[in-house]
Amino acid sequence: MQLIDDLKDAFEKHEENNAFFINDTYYTYRDLAQGVSNIRQAIKPLLSEKGANIGLVVHDNIETYASIIALWLEGKTYVPLHPDFPENRNQAIIDQAHINAVLDASNQNTFQNTFTIQTCALPTSKINLNPSTLNRSENAYILFTSGTTGVPKGVPISFRNLSNFLKAFNALCQVNKKDRCLQMFELTFDMSVVSFLVPLLAGACVYTIPKNKIKYSFIFELMEDYKLTIAIMVPSIINYLRPYFDEIHCPDMRFNLFAGEALYLDVLEEWSRCLPHAKIVNAYGPTETTIICTSYDFNRELENKTHNGIMCIGKDMEGTLSIVVGEQDQELEEGATGELCISGKQVTPGYWEDPEKNKTSFFYKDHNGENLRFYRTGDACFKDANGDFMYVGRVDFQAKIQGFRVELAEIEFHSKAFLEKINVVAIALTNQLNNTEIGMAIESETIPTAALMSYLKTKLPHYMIPTQVIFTKQFPLNSNGKIDRNTLRTLFINN
């Protein structure tokens, strides 16, 4: 398998280079190879009968990253398990994925009912990076994401998916052995894969965020103190860094990519001045399409495309085909808003052992004489005359109020314009009469809102004006660094 062979070659070619910087400690590629080999030696006699899917308790340490490579070399699939997630959620993942063995790089036995190999203090073995050819899984990893039924749904990503993603990503950015790369994500989030794998294939160094640190402030320190050159982020991070933009100057940064959430142009324009030499890219891609599949380059000199202040998500990356469809799955004309659907070599083979979900999420459609399989993203978009896709919002971020369809992103756009640098989230709420109304969460100390509401009435129809407003000093983030809208919704309920 080419990806695994390329990893082996990179480890051997760059053995003296630093591979990771974790908790103030550098680890070379030789250190990483040693950790991989120690884990392989420990698991080889034990995993032959444990199935293809192996649980990985995610920690910010070298043994956890070494475990991923060790499992791949042994032909296994890693399934990340977060030690801080609720026990019943993790158990549901273990049960669904038929996990009979877990690797844990801590001194605690997190999952006492599942066979566990502690990887943090294994005996030293001979370095062995030769891939096993026995019982090789087609899947590189399975990520379990939130399900609408309350049960996590598994998204398997095959080595074929991942290899095609890497080919497409390399067209955006060529990472080299001198690069210093940020890895800010939990390993339960697919953005983590590009953040550690692309650098490792190039012989570069990966800088991680310690679990006990405040993520956004530590990123600021890493970028400046260690002159990072590559940074992949979610937009929420720069919203938190915004008060410190005047202090941030990172001339060494050469590539900065955003994905995972809507990216607003106003904050990006300010942020771009902190990275005067960086190419900045806004990318898009659900977990089901292997990390990212469309991209748009931010232009420092010319006008950038936006919709409701949200940056354009651009055109398809290599190997991907995106279309916008209506309610009958008919492809819509330019400028018409519908659901974005994606086909191509990066699309997952399907949800893990969930045929009913697969029936509703994937469909076949004739496109230019070819019968293609498409994934329904749940994102509302439209395509402009130049072939660029504009993000409108989640289909489920739409609300019907008094029979009118409302885009919550439009309310957020006008509110942010009035409040300038204050962040805002609009949420559809069901009131006691079982009617839908709009709640607005404002990230600040309590401030008067009469002027804001008067302003909104000059921009929006009456049914789009928020009827409830709450204030919070800091928006809650989920483990992926995104704004946690579900938690915000509970603040309205409890208010």
Protein backbone atom coordinates (compact mmCIF):
# COMPACT_ATOMS: atom_id res chain seq x y z
CA MET A 1 0.00 0.00 0.00
CA GLN A 2 1.60 3.23 -1.23
CA LEU A 3 0.62 5.45 1.73
CA ILE A 4 2.15 3.05 4.25
CA ASP A 5 5.27 2.62 2.11
CA ASP A 6 5.61 6.42 1.88
CA LEU A 7 5.40 6.73 5.67
CA LYS A 8 8.11 4.10 6.10
CA ASP A 9 10.34 5.91 3.60
CA ALA A 10 9.80 9.27 5.34
CA PHE A 11 10.70 7.83 8.75
CA GLU A 12 13.91 6.32 7.39
CA LYS A 13 14.90 9.32 5.27
CA HIS A 14 14.36 11.89 8.04
CA GLU A 15 15.27 9.89 11.14
CA GLU A 16 17.31 12.75 12.66
CA ASN A 17 14.62 15.38 12.05
CA ASN A 18 12.17 16.36 14.76
CA ALA A 19 8.80 14.69 14.15
CA PHE A 20 6.82 16.05 17.11
CA PHE A 21 6.95 18.77 19.73
CA ILE A 22 4.68 17.67 22.58
CA ASN A 23 4.57 19.20 26.07
CA ASP A 24 7.89 21.05 25.63
CA THR A 25 9.69 17.95 24.35
CA TYR A 26 10.99 17.20 20.86
CA TYR A 27 10.79 13.68 19.44
CA THR A 28 12.78 12.72 16.35
CA TYR A 29 11.59 10.42 13.60
CA ARG A 30 13.89 7.80 15.10
CA ASP A 31 12.15 8.25 18.47
CA LEU A 32 8.79 7.88 16.74
CA ALA A 33 9.97 4.81 14.82
CA GLN A 34 11.14 3.28 18.07
CA GLY A 35 7.78 3.90 19.69
CA VAL A 36 5.98 2.44 16.68
CA SER A 37 8.19 -0.66 16.78
CA ASN A 38 7.73 -1.15 20.52
CA ILE A 39 3.97 -1.03 20.13
CA ARG A 40 4.01 -3.35 17.14
CA GLN A 41 6.03 -5.89 19.08
CA ALA A 42 3.56 -5.73 21.95
CA ILE A 43 0.41 -5.98 19.89
CA LYS A 44 1.49 -8.39 17.14
CA PRO A 45 0.87 -11.64 19.05
CA LEU A 46 -2.31 -10.31 20.62
CA LEU A 47 -4.27 -8.70 17.79
CA SER A 48 -4.54 -11.54 15.29
CA GLU A 49 -7.90 -12.58 16.73
CA LYS A 50 -9.11 -9.15 17.85
CA GLY A 51 -10.65 -8.02 14.56
CA ALA A 52 -9.73 -5.16 12.26
CA ASN A 53 -11.00 -2.27 14.42
CA ILE A 54 -8.85 -1.32 17.40
CA GLY A 55 -9.85 1.33 19.92
CA LEU A 56 -7.36 4.12 20.52
CA VAL A 57 -7.69 6.20 23.69
CA VAL A 58 -6.59 9.64 22.52
CA HIS A 59 -3.94 11.48 24.50
CA ASP A 60 -1.50 14.22 23.64
CA ASN A 61 1.63 12.09 23.80
CA ILE A 62 4.05 10.42 21.41
CA GLU A 63 2.77 6.92 22.21
CA THR A 64 -0.71 7.79 20.94
CA TYR A 65 0.60 8.99 17.58
CA ALA A 66 2.96 6.02 17.41
CA SER A 67 -0.04 3.74 18.02
CA ILE A 68 -1.76 5.03 14.88
CA ILE A 69 1.25 4.24 12.71
CA ALA A 70 1.76 0.88 14.43
CA LEU A 71 -1.84 -0.13 13.77
CA TRP A 72 -1.58 0.90 10.11
CA LEU A 73 1.63 -1.10 9.69
CA GLU A 74 -0.18 -4.09 11.19
CA GLY A 75 -3.09 -3.65 8.81
CA LYS A 76 -5.55 -2.45 11.46
CA THR A 77 -8.08 0.37 11.67
CA TYR A 78 -7.93 2.87 14.53
CA VAL A 79 -11.13 4.06 16.21
CA PRO A 80 -10.48 7.05 18.48
CA LEU A 81 -12.04 7.01 21.96
CA HIS A 82 -11.95 10.19 24.03
CA PRO A 83 -11.26 9.49 27.72
CA ASP A 84 -13.31 12.53 28.78
CA PHE A 85 -16.42 11.60 26.81
CA PRO A 86 -19.34 9.98 28.68
CA GLU A 87 -18.78 6.32 29.43
CA ASN A 88 -22.01 5.22 27.74
CA ARG A 89 -21.08 7.06 24.54
CA ASN A 90 -17.67 5.38 24.38
CA GLN A 91 -19.23 2.02 25.15
CA ALA A 92 -21.70 2.53 22.31
CA ILE A 93 -18.76 3.13 19.95
CA ILE A 94 -16.94 0.04 21.25
CA ASP A 95 -20.04 -2.07 20.73
CA GLN A 96 -20.88 -0.72 17.28
CA ALA A 97 -17.34 -1.08 15.93
CA HIS A 98 -16.91 -4.57 17.46
CA ILE A 99 -13.81 -3.38 19.29
CA ASN A 100 -12.21 -6.18 21.27
CA ALA A 101 -8.90 -4.45 22.01
CA VAL A 102 -7.91 -0.94 23.03
CA LEU A 103 -4.55 0.84 23.01
CA ASP A 104 -4.14 3.33 25.85
CA ALA A 105 -1.02 5.48 26.33
CA SER A 106 -1.82 6.28 29.96
CA ASN A 107 -1.36 4.53 33.26
CA GLN A 108 -5.11 4.17 33.75
CA ASN A 109 -7.30 1.38 32.48
CA THR A 110 -9.97 3.62 30.99
CA PHE A 111 -12.13 0.81 29.60
CA GLN A 112 -12.00 -1.97 32.15
CA ASN A 113 -14.44 -4.19 30.27
CA THR A 114 -12.32 -4.21 27.10
CA PHE A 115 -8.94 -5.86 26.65
CA THR A 116 -6.41 -3.02 26.93
CA ILE A 117 -2.73 -2.71 26.03
CA GLN A 118 -0.93 0.04 27.92
CA THR A 119 1.54 1.53 25.43
CA CYS A 120 3.35 4.07 27.61
CA ALA A 121 6.03 1.81 29.15
CA LEU A 122 6.78 -0.99 26.73
CA PRO A 123 10.17 -2.71 26.43
CA THR A 124 12.49 -1.54 23.67
CA SER A 125 12.41 -3.65 20.54
CA LYS A 126 14.27 -3.69 17.25
CA ILE A 127 13.02 -0.98 14.91
CA ASN A 128 10.68 -2.52 12.36
CA LEU A 129 8.78 -0.38 9.87
CA ASN A 130 8.04 -3.10 7.33
CA PRO A 131 4.28 -3.30 6.73
CA SER A 132 2.47 -6.51 7.50
CA THR A 133 0.74 -8.05 4.51
CA LEU A 134 -1.65 -10.20 6.54
CA ASN A 135 -5.30 -9.41 7.27
CA ARG A 136 -5.03 -5.87 5.96
CA SER A 137 -8.07 -3.68 6.61
CA GLU A 138 -9.34 -1.43 3.84
CA ASN A 139 -10.14 1.28 6.41
CA ALA A 140 -7.55 3.65 7.87
CA TYR A 141 -9.86 4.93 10.63
CA ILE A 142 -13.47 5.12 11.72
CA LEU A 143 -14.69 8.34 13.32
CA PHE A 144 -17.94 8.31 15.26
CA THR A 145 -19.82 11.57 14.94
CA SER A 146 -23.02 12.80 16.56
CA GLY A 147 -26.16 11.06 15.37
CA THR A 148 -29.61 12.63 15.19
CA THR A 149 -31.00 9.64 17.11
CA GLY A 150 -28.55 10.20 19.95
CA VAL A 151 -26.48 7.18 18.90
CA PRO A 152 -23.04 7.98 17.40
CA LYS A 153 -22.72 7.09 13.72
CA GLY A 154 -19.50 5.62 12.37
CA VAL A 155 -17.78 7.10 9.32
CA PRO A 156 -15.11 4.74 7.94
CA ILE A 157 -12.41 6.34 5.79
CA SER A 158 -10.52 3.91 3.62
CA PHE A 159 -6.85 4.07 2.71
CA ARG A 160 -8.05 4.74 -0.84
CA ASN A 161 -10.06 7.74 0.40
CA LEU A 162 -7.09 9.01 2.37
CA SER A 163 -4.61 8.56 -0.48
CA ASN A 164 -6.84 10.51 -2.85
CA PHE A 165 -7.23 13.25 -0.26
CA LEU A 166 -3.44 13.54 0.10
CA LYS A 167 -3.06 13.88 -3.65
CA ALA A 168 -5.63 16.68 -3.73
CA PHE A 169 -4.16 18.44 -0.67
CA ASN A 170 -0.67 18.44 -2.16
CA ALA A 171 -2.01 20.61 -4.96
CA LEU A 172 -2.90 23.23 -2.31
CA CYS A 173 0.31 23.12 -0.28
CA GLN A 174 3.63 21.36 -0.65
CA VAL A 175 4.90 20.64 2.88
CA ASN A 176 8.66 20.11 3.23
CA LYS A 177 11.03 18.82 5.89
CA LYS A 178 11.78 22.32 7.20
CA ASP A 179 8.15 23.12 7.97
CA ARG A 180 6.85 23.51 11.51
CA CYS A 181 3.18 22.53 11.57
CA LEU A 182 0.38 23.18 14.04
CA GLN A 183 -1.79 20.26 15.23
CA MET A 184 -4.56 21.84 17.32
CA PHE A 185 -7.24 19.15 17.04
CA GLU A 186 -8.45 16.29 19.18
CA LEU A 187 -7.76 12.96 17.47
CA THR A 188 -11.52 12.32 17.45
CA PHE A 189 -11.84 15.07 14.80
CA ASP A 190 -10.89 14.37 11.18
CA MET A 191 -8.93 17.63 10.82
CA SER A 192 -6.33 16.05 13.10
CA VAL A 193 -5.45 13.52 10.38
CA VAL A 194 -4.24 16.11 7.87
CA SER A 195 -2.51 18.04 10.67
CA PHE A 196 -0.22 15.15 11.64
CA LEU A 197 -0.12 12.91 8.55
CA VAL A 198 0.87 15.43 5.88
CA PRO A 199 3.84 16.71 7.95
CA LEU A 200 5.01 13.17 8.77
CA LEU A 201 5.03 12.22 5.09
CA ALA A 202 7.24 15.26 4.40
CA GLY A 203 9.69 14.88 7.29
CA ALA A 204 8.35 18.04 8.97
CA CYS A 205 7.72 18.68 12.69
CA VAL A 206 4.25 18.62 14.28
CA TYR A 207 3.52 20.95 17.22
CA THR A 208 0.60 19.90 19.42
CA ILE A 209 -1.53 21.65 22.06
CA PRO A 210 -1.24 20.30 25.63
CA LYS A 211 -4.55 19.21 27.06
CA ASN A 212 -4.26 21.42 30.15
CA LYS A 213 -3.62 24.63 28.20
CA ILE A 214 -6.11 27.22 26.98
CA LYS A 215 -6.15 26.27 23.32
CA TYR A 216 -6.39 29.65 21.59
CA SER A 217 -3.80 31.43 23.73
CA PHE A 218 -1.36 28.53 23.48
CA ILE A 219 -1.70 28.54 19.69
CA PHE A 220 -0.72 32.21 19.70
CA GLU A 221 2.39 31.38 21.75
CA LEU A 222 3.37 28.39 19.60
CA MET A 223 3.04 30.33 16.38
CA GLU A 224 5.28 33.14 17.53
CA ASP A 225 7.78 31.38 19.79
CA TYR A 226 8.48 28.48 17.42
CA LYS A 227 7.96 30.35 14.14
CA LEU A 228 5.37 27.92 12.80
CA THR A 229 5.05 27.81 9.02
CA ILE A 230 1.87 25.72 8.49
CA ALA A 231 -1.38 26.11 10.44
CA ILE A 232 -4.70 24.34 9.88
CA MET A 233 -7.46 25.80 12.05
CA VAL A 234 -11.17 26.10 12.69
CA PRO A 235 -12.48 29.70 12.40
CA SER A 236 -13.59 29.82 16.05
CA ILE A 237 -9.94 30.07 17.07
CA ILE A 238 -9.33 33.41 15.39
CA ASN A 239 -12.54 34.77 16.88
CA TYR A 240 -10.98 34.12 20.28
CA LEU A 241 -7.62 35.52 19.17
CA ARG A 242 -9.18 38.68 17.74
CA PRO A 243 -8.57 40.85 20.84
CA TYR A 244 -4.85 40.03 20.52
CA PHE A 245 -4.40 40.62 16.77
CA ASP A 246 -2.37 43.78 17.40
CA GLU A 247 0.15 41.67 19.33
CA ILE A 248 0.40 38.80 16.82
CA HIS A 249 3.05 38.94 14.12
CA CYS A 250 3.99 35.70 12.38
CA PRO A 251 6.02 36.49 9.25
CA ASP A 252 7.26 32.87 9.08
CA MET A 253 3.77 31.46 8.49
CA ARG A 254 3.51 30.49 4.82
CA PHE A 255 0.26 28.50 4.69
CA ASN A 256 -2.89 28.87 6.77
CA LEU A 257 -6.01 26.81 6.07
CA PHE A 258 -9.44 27.11 7.69
CA ALA A 259 -12.16 24.47 7.65
CA GLY A 260 -14.90 23.00 9.81
CA GLU A 261 -17.08 26.10 10.22
CA ALA A 262 -18.24 29.17 8.33
CA LEU A 263 -15.38 31.66 7.98
CA TYR A 264 -16.32 35.35 8.05
CA LEU A 265 -14.44 37.79 5.84
CA ASP A 266 -14.24 40.65 8.35
CA VAL A 267 -12.25 38.72 10.93
CA LEU A 268 -10.16 37.02 8.24
CA GLU A 269 -9.09 40.33 6.76
CA GLU A 270 -7.82 41.44 10.17
CA TRP A 271 -6.18 38.07 10.80
CA SER A 272 -4.38 38.16 7.44
CA ARG A 273 -2.34 41.13 8.64
CA CYS A 274 -0.95 38.95 11.44
CA LEU A 275 0.41 36.56 8.78
CA PRO A 276 1.77 38.94 6.15
CA HIS A 277 3.42 36.27 3.98
CA ALA A 278 0.97 33.39 4.28
CA LYS A 279 -1.23 31.91 1.62
CA ILE A 280 -4.65 31.65 3.29
CA VAL A 281 -7.23 29.12 2.13
CA ASN A 282 -10.84 28.61 3.14
CA ALA A 283 -11.70 24.93 2.71
CA TYR A 284 -14.82 22.82 3.11
CA GLY A 285 -15.53 19.15 3.65
CA PRO A 286 -17.68 16.92 5.83
CA THR A 287 -16.08 13.95 7.60
CA GLU A 288 -17.81 11.72 5.03
CA THR A 289 -15.74 13.24 2.21
CA THR A 290 -12.33 12.79 3.90
CA ILE A 291 -11.44 16.03 5.64
CA ILE A 292 -11.77 18.70 2.90
CA CYS A 293 -12.88 18.59 -0.73
CA THR A 294 -13.32 22.22 -1.90
CA SER A 295 -11.08 25.26 -1.45
CA TYR A 296 -10.96 29.00 -2.05
CA ASP A 297 -7.84 31.20 -1.88
CA PHE A 298 -8.15 34.41 0.12
CA ASN A 299 -7.02 37.39 -1.96
CA ARG A 300 -5.17 40.16 -0.12
CA GLU A 301 -5.50 42.69 -2.94
CA LEU A 302 -8.81 42.06 -4.70
CA GLU A 303 -12.38 41.59 -3.52
CA ASN A 304 -13.17 38.19 -2.00
CA LYS A 305 -16.44 36.39 -2.65
CA THR A 306 -18.84 36.19 0.28
CA HIS A 307 -22.47 35.49 1.07
CA ASN A 308 -23.89 37.05 4.24
CA GLY A 309 -20.29 37.83 5.14
CA ILE A 310 -19.25 34.15 4.90
CA MET A 311 -16.25 33.36 2.74
CA CYS A 312 -16.78 31.42 -0.44
CA ILE A 313 -15.86 27.72 -0.17
CA GLY A 314 -14.56 27.67 -3.72
CA LYS A 315 -14.23 24.92 -6.27
CA ASP A 316 -13.79 21.16 -6.10
CA MET A 317 -10.39 19.79 -5.29
CA GLU A 318 -8.91 17.12 -7.55
CA GLY A 319 -10.99 13.95 -7.73
CA THR A 320 -14.19 15.52 -6.35
CA LEU A 321 -17.44 16.54 -8.07
CA SER A 322 -19.98 18.71 -6.24
CA ILE A 323 -23.49 19.65 -7.35
CA VAL A 324 -26.40 21.58 -5.83
CA VAL A 325 -29.73 19.76 -5.90
CA GLY A 326 -33.34 20.56 -5.15
CA GLU A 327 -35.94 18.58 -3.23
CA GLN A 328 -36.29 16.03 -6.04
CA ASP A 329 -32.51 15.65 -6.40
CA GLN A 330 -32.60 17.64 -9.62
CA GLU A 331 -29.43 19.64 -10.27
CA LEU A 332 -30.15 23.34 -9.84
CA GLU A 333 -29.05 26.16 -12.07
CA GLU A 334 -26.43 28.74 -11.12
CA GLY A 335 -27.49 31.00 -8.30
CA ALA A 336 -30.20 28.69 -6.97
CA THR A 337 -29.82 27.53 -3.37
CA GLY A 338 -30.16 23.84 -2.58
CA GLU A 339 -28.34 21.02 -0.86
CA LEU A 340 -24.68 20.47 -1.72
CA CYS A 341 -24.01 16.86 -2.74
CA ILE A 342 -20.56 15.41 -3.33
CA SER A 343 -19.20 12.55 -5.39
CA GLY A 344 -15.68 11.28 -5.93
CA LYS A 345 -12.81 9.21 -4.64
CA GLN A 346 -12.80 10.84 -1.20
CA VAL A 347 -16.39 9.90 -0.33
CA THR A 348 -16.66 7.27 2.43
CA PRO A 349 -17.81 3.77 1.43
CA GLY A 350 -20.80 4.37 3.72
CA TYR A 351 -21.76 4.57 7.38
CA TRP A 352 -20.54 1.71 9.51
CA GLU A 353 -23.12 -1.10 9.50
CA ASP A 354 -26.00 1.33 9.04
CA PRO A 355 -27.87 0.47 5.82
CA GLU A 356 -30.85 2.66 6.69
CA LYS A 357 -28.67 5.74 7.15
CA ASN A 358 -26.83 4.92 3.93
CA LYS A 359 -30.12 4.83 2.02
CA THR A 360 -30.99 8.36 3.09
CA SER A 361 -27.49 9.88 2.89
CA PHE A 362 -26.22 8.52 -0.44
CA PHE A 363 -27.86 8.32 -3.86
CA TYR A 364 -26.94 7.58 -7.45
CA LYS A 365 -27.51 10.11 -10.19
CA ASP A 366 -26.69 10.36 -13.86
CA HIS A 367 -24.21 13.16 -14.45
CA ASN A 368 -22.98 13.81 -17.99
CA GLY A 369 -23.78 10.25 -18.95
CA GLU A 370 -22.11 8.65 -15.93
CA ASN A 371 -23.98 7.06 -13.01
CA LEU A 372 -22.29 8.58 -9.94
CA ARG A 373 -22.76 8.04 -6.20
CA PHE A 374 -23.35 11.26 -4.25
CA TYR A 375 -23.31 12.11 -0.55
CA ARG A 376 -25.91 14.51 0.84
CA THR A 377 -23.99 17.02 2.97
CA GLY A 378 -26.93 18.73 4.67
CA ASP A 379 -25.36 22.07 3.73
CA ALA A 380 -27.26 24.71 1.79
CA CYS A 381 -25.17 26.26 -1.00
CA PHE A 382 -25.40 27.81 -4.43
CA LYS A 383 -22.98 27.90 -7.34
CA ASP A 384 -22.08 31.23 -8.93
CA ALA A 385 -21.41 32.01 -12.58
CA ASN A 386 -17.69 31.33 -12.16
CA GLY A 387 -18.24 27.85 -10.74
CA ASP A 388 -17.49 28.78 -7.12
CA PHE A 389 -19.70 27.41 -4.35
CA MET A 390 -21.12 29.84 -1.80
CA TYR A 391 -22.02 28.51 1.64
CA VAL A 392 -25.46 29.59 2.88
CA GLY A 393 -25.74 27.52 6.05
CA ARG A 394 -26.76 24.16 7.37
CA VAL A 395 -30.04 22.91 6.04
CA ASP A 396 -30.91 22.29 9.69
CA PHE A 397 -29.82 25.87 10.55
CA GLN A 398 -32.78 26.99 8.50
CA ALA A 399 -36.03 27.63 10.28
CA LYS A 400 -39.61 28.17 9.18
CA ILE A 401 -41.26 31.06 10.98
CA GLN A 402 -44.83 32.03 10.11
CA GLY A 403 -44.42 29.95 6.97
CA PHE A 404 -41.28 31.82 5.85
CA ARG A 405 -37.92 30.06 5.46
CA VAL A 406 -35.25 31.83 7.50
CA GLU A 407 -31.47 31.57 7.11
CA LEU A 408 -29.97 32.00 10.57
CA ALA A 409 -26.65 33.03 9.01
CA GLU A 410 -28.33 36.14 7.57
CA ILE A 411 -29.42 37.25 11.05
CA GLU A 412 -25.89 36.64 12.34
CA PHE A 413 -24.39 38.62 9.45
CA HIS A 414 -26.40 41.79 10.08
CA SER A 415 -26.00 41.52 13.87
CA LYS A 416 -22.22 41.23 13.58
CA ALA A 417 -22.14 44.20 11.22
CA PHE A 418 -23.81 46.36 13.85
CA LEU A 419 -21.89 45.00 16.85
CA GLU A 420 -18.59 45.14 14.92
CA LYS A 421 -16.16 42.75 16.63
CA ILE A 422 -18.65 41.02 18.93
CA ASN A 423 -19.51 37.43 17.98
CA VAL A 424 -23.15 36.37 17.60
CA VAL A 425 -25.00 33.08 17.09
CA ALA A 426 -28.66 32.84 16.08
CA ILE A 427 -30.62 29.75 17.13
CA ALA A 428 -34.12 28.55 16.27
CA LEU A 429 -36.13 27.86 19.44
CA THR A 430 -39.51 26.29 20.07
CA ASN A 431 -41.59 28.34 22.50
CA GLN A 432 -44.36 27.26 24.89
CA LEU A 433 -46.95 27.60 22.14
CA ASN A 434 -44.90 25.19 20.01
CA ASN A 435 -44.06 27.99 17.60
CA THR A 436 -40.57 28.73 16.30
CA GLU A 437 -38.83 31.93 17.29
CA ILE A 438 -35.26 33.23 17.07
CA GLY A 439 -32.87 33.38 19.99
CA MET A 440 -29.65 35.36 19.80
CA ALA A 441 -26.56 34.54 21.86
CA ILE A 442 -24.06 37.40 22.15
CA GLU A 443 -20.50 36.76 23.25
CA SER A 444 -19.94 39.67 25.62
CA GLU A 445 -20.84 41.23 28.92
CA THR A 446 -24.46 42.35 29.09
CA ILE A 447 -25.03 45.32 26.78
CA PRO A 448 -28.15 47.27 25.72
CA THR A 449 -29.77 45.70 22.66
CA ALA A 450 -32.46 48.22 21.74
CA ALA A 451 -30.26 49.90 19.13
CA LEU A 452 -29.30 46.51 17.70
CA MET A 453 -32.93 45.47 17.32
CA SER A 454 -33.78 48.81 15.70
CA TYR A 455 -30.95 48.28 13.25
CA LEU A 456 -32.07 44.72 12.44
CA LYS A 457 -35.58 45.98 11.70
CA THR A 458 -34.07 48.11 8.92
CA LYS A 459 -32.40 45.04 7.41
CA LEU A 460 -34.71 42.11 8.09
CA PRO A 461 -38.43 41.31 7.96
CA HIS A 462 -40.24 41.30 11.28
CA TYR A 463 -40.37 37.50 11.61
CA MET A 464 -36.54 37.33 11.55
CA ILE A 465 -36.03 39.65 14.52
CA PRO A 466 -34.77 37.77 17.61
CA THR A 467 -37.24 37.57 20.46
CA GLN A 468 -34.81 36.25 23.06
CA VAL A 469 -31.26 37.46 23.78
CA ILE A 470 -28.70 35.97 26.15
CA PHE A 471 -25.13 36.98 26.90
CA THR A 472 -22.15 34.77 27.63
CA LYS A 473 -18.55 35.81 28.19
CA GLN A 474 -17.30 32.97 26.02
CA PHE A 475 -19.14 30.69 23.61
CA PRO A 476 -18.81 27.02 24.55
CA LEU A 477 -16.67 24.96 22.17
CA ASN A 478 -16.93 21.26 21.53
CA SER A 479 -13.90 18.97 21.46
CA ASN A 480 -13.26 19.91 17.82
CA GLY A 481 -12.92 23.59 18.62
CA LYS A 482 -16.26 24.50 17.00
CA ILE A 483 -18.99 26.59 18.64
CA ASP A 484 -21.26 24.17 20.51
CA ARG A 485 -24.73 25.26 19.40
CA ASN A 486 -26.48 22.54 21.37
CA THR A 487 -24.98 23.83 24.62
CA LEU A 488 -25.98 27.37 23.66
CA ARG A 489 -29.53 26.18 23.10
CA THR A 490 -29.67 24.84 26.66
CA LEU A 491 -28.69 28.32 27.93
CA PHE A 492 -31.89 29.69 26.40
CA ILE A 493 -33.93 26.89 27.92
CA ASN A 494 -32.42 27.51 31.35
CA ASN A 495 -32.59 31.28 31.10
